[in-house]
Amino acid sequence: MDFEEAGRSLISMTQTELAKAAGLGQSTVIDFEKERRVVSDQAIAAIRGALESAGVIFIDENGEGPGVRLRK
């Protein structure tokens, strides 16, 4: 599971909801999560931006490894 999918799971957001929030097609989100194809950097940024707007925080490597958590 990638960090974007983990973030989506944290907030109980469906792939359809994420696609809409990110302004992408649902197939792009599905393909990205299932690693069916390489999606553009712009699509990844849109996915992350939509998740961050919904309260997901992406944590960089900090000695314990990268991850995700919810904003307070």
C-alpha atoms as a PDB file:
ATOM      1  CA  MET A   1       0.000   0.000   0.000  1.00  0.00           C
ATOM      2  CA  ASP A   2       1.419   3.378  -0.933  1.00  0.00           C
ATOM      3  CA  PHE A   3       1.158   6.449   1.265  1.00  0.00           C
ATOM      4  CA  GLU A   4      -1.574   8.039  -0.837  1.00  0.00           C
ATOM      5  CA  GLU A   5      -3.737   4.928  -0.529  1.00  0.00           C
ATOM      6  CA  ALA A   6      -3.016   4.772   3.212  1.00  0.00           C
ATOM      7  CA  GLY A   7      -4.026   8.416   3.522  1.00  0.00           C
ATOM      8  CA  ARG A   8      -7.247   7.780   1.616  1.00  0.00           C
ATOM      9  CA  SER A   9      -7.991   4.887   3.949  1.00  0.00           C
ATOM     10  CA  LEU A  10      -7.404   7.055   7.040  1.00  0.00           C
ATOM     11  CA  ILE A  11     -10.206   9.381   6.032  1.00  0.00           C
ATOM     12  CA  SER A  12     -12.478   6.699   4.563  1.00  0.00           C
ATOM     13  CA  MET A  13     -12.445   8.366   1.159  1.00  0.00           C
ATOM     14  CA  THR A  14     -13.426   6.254  -1.830  1.00  0.00           C
ATOM     15  CA  GLN A  15     -11.440   6.209  -5.044  1.00  0.00           C
ATOM     16  CA  THR A  16     -14.349   7.961  -6.733  1.00  0.00           C
ATOM     17  CA  GLU A  17     -14.370  10.733  -4.110  1.00  0.00           C
ATOM     18  CA  LEU A  18     -10.603  11.157  -4.380  1.00  0.00           C
ATOM     19  CA  ALA A  19     -10.735  11.331  -8.157  1.00  0.00           C
ATOM     20  CA  LYS A  20     -13.412  14.027  -7.991  1.00  0.00           C
ATOM     21  CA  ALA A  21     -11.542  16.017  -5.316  1.00  0.00           C
ATOM     22  CA  ALA A  22      -8.319  15.795  -7.332  1.00  0.00           C
ATOM     23  CA  GLY A  23      -9.993  16.659 -10.640  1.00  0.00           C
ATOM     24  CA  LEU A  24      -8.906  13.352 -12.170  1.00  0.00           C
ATOM     25  CA  GLY A  25     -10.596  10.375 -13.742  1.00  0.00           C
ATOM     26  CA  GLN A  26     -11.326   7.468 -11.447  1.00  0.00           C
ATOM     27  CA  SER A  27      -9.223   5.213 -13.673  1.00  0.00           C
ATOM     28  CA  THR A  28      -6.176   7.394 -12.956  1.00  0.00           C
ATOM     29  CA  VAL A  29      -6.579   6.918  -9.202  1.00  0.00           C
ATOM     30  CA  ILE A  30      -7.166   3.182  -9.584  1.00  0.00           C
ATOM     31  CA  ASP A  31      -4.224   2.746 -11.945  1.00  0.00           C
ATOM     32  CA  PHE A  32      -1.955   4.730  -9.618  1.00  0.00           C
ATOM     33  CA  GLU A  33      -2.935   2.717  -6.543  1.00  0.00           C
ATOM     34  CA  LYS A  34      -2.646  -0.631  -8.341  1.00  0.00           C
ATOM     35  CA  GLU A  35       0.562   0.461 -10.090  1.00  0.00           C
ATOM     36  CA  ARG A  36      -0.951  -0.487 -13.453  1.00  0.00           C
ATOM     37  CA  ARG A  37       0.782   2.400 -15.173  1.00  0.00           C
ATOM     38  CA  VAL A  38       2.919   5.393 -14.375  1.00  0.00           C
ATOM     39  CA  VAL A  39       0.778   8.470 -13.827  1.00  0.00           C
ATOM     40  CA  SER A  40       2.064  11.995 -14.321  1.00  0.00           C
ATOM     41  CA  ASP A  41       3.729  13.999 -11.578  1.00  0.00           C
ATOM     42  CA  GLN A  42       0.860  16.477 -11.926  1.00  0.00           C
ATOM     43  CA  ALA A  43      -1.690  13.732 -11.200  1.00  0.00           C
ATOM     44  CA  ILE A  44       0.264  12.588  -8.146  1.00  0.00           C
ATOM     45  CA  ALA A  45       0.438  16.185  -6.909  1.00  0.00           C
ATOM     46  CA  ALA A  46      -3.333  16.539  -7.420  1.00  0.00           C
ATOM     47  CA  ILE A  47      -3.971  13.330  -5.458  1.00  0.00           C
ATOM     48  CA  ARG A  48      -1.733  14.446  -2.601  1.00  0.00           C
ATOM     49  CA  GLY A  49      -3.256  17.929  -2.623  1.00  0.00           C
ATOM     50  CA  ALA A  50      -6.783  16.549  -2.401  1.00  0.00           C
ATOM     51  CA  LEU A  51      -5.798  14.272   0.482  1.00  0.00           C
ATOM     52  CA  GLU A  52      -4.016  17.100   2.301  1.00  0.00           C
ATOM     53  CA  SER A  53      -7.087  19.309   1.881  1.00  0.00           C
ATOM     54  CA  ALA A  54      -9.119  16.531   3.508  1.00  0.00           C
ATOM     55  CA  GLY A  55      -6.801  16.385   6.533  1.00  0.00           C
ATOM     56  CA  VAL A  56      -4.046  13.927   5.635  1.00  0.00           C
ATOM     57  CA  ILE A  57      -0.471  14.863   6.519  1.00  0.00           C
ATOM     58  CA  PHE A  58       2.399  13.184   4.684  1.00  0.00           C
ATOM     59  CA  ILE A  59       5.368  12.673   6.991  1.00  0.00           C
ATOM     60  CA  ASP A  60       8.885  12.679   5.567  1.00  0.00           C
ATOM     61  CA  GLU A  61      11.576  10.314   6.764  1.00  0.00           C
ATOM     62  CA  ASN A  62      12.279  11.213  10.392  1.00  0.00           C
ATOM     63  CA  GLY A  63      14.309   8.285  11.687  1.00  0.00           C
ATOM     64  CA  GLU A  64      11.219   6.088  11.971  1.00  0.00           C
ATOM     65  CA  GLY A  65      10.425   6.102   8.273  1.00  0.00           C
ATOM     66  CA  PRO A  66       7.953   8.075   6.156  1.00  0.00           C
ATOM     67  CA  GLY A  67       4.220   7.806   6.720  1.00  0.00           C
ATOM     68  CA  VAL A  68       0.845   9.514   6.963  1.00  0.00           C
ATOM     69  CA  ARG A  69      -1.348  10.776   9.771  1.00  0.00           C
ATOM     70  CA  LEU A  70      -4.434  12.901  10.293  1.00  0.00           C
ATOM     71  CA  ARG A  71      -4.282  16.618  11.003  1.00  0.00           C
ATOM     72  CA  LYS A  72      -5.653  17.582  14.414  1.00  0.00           C
END
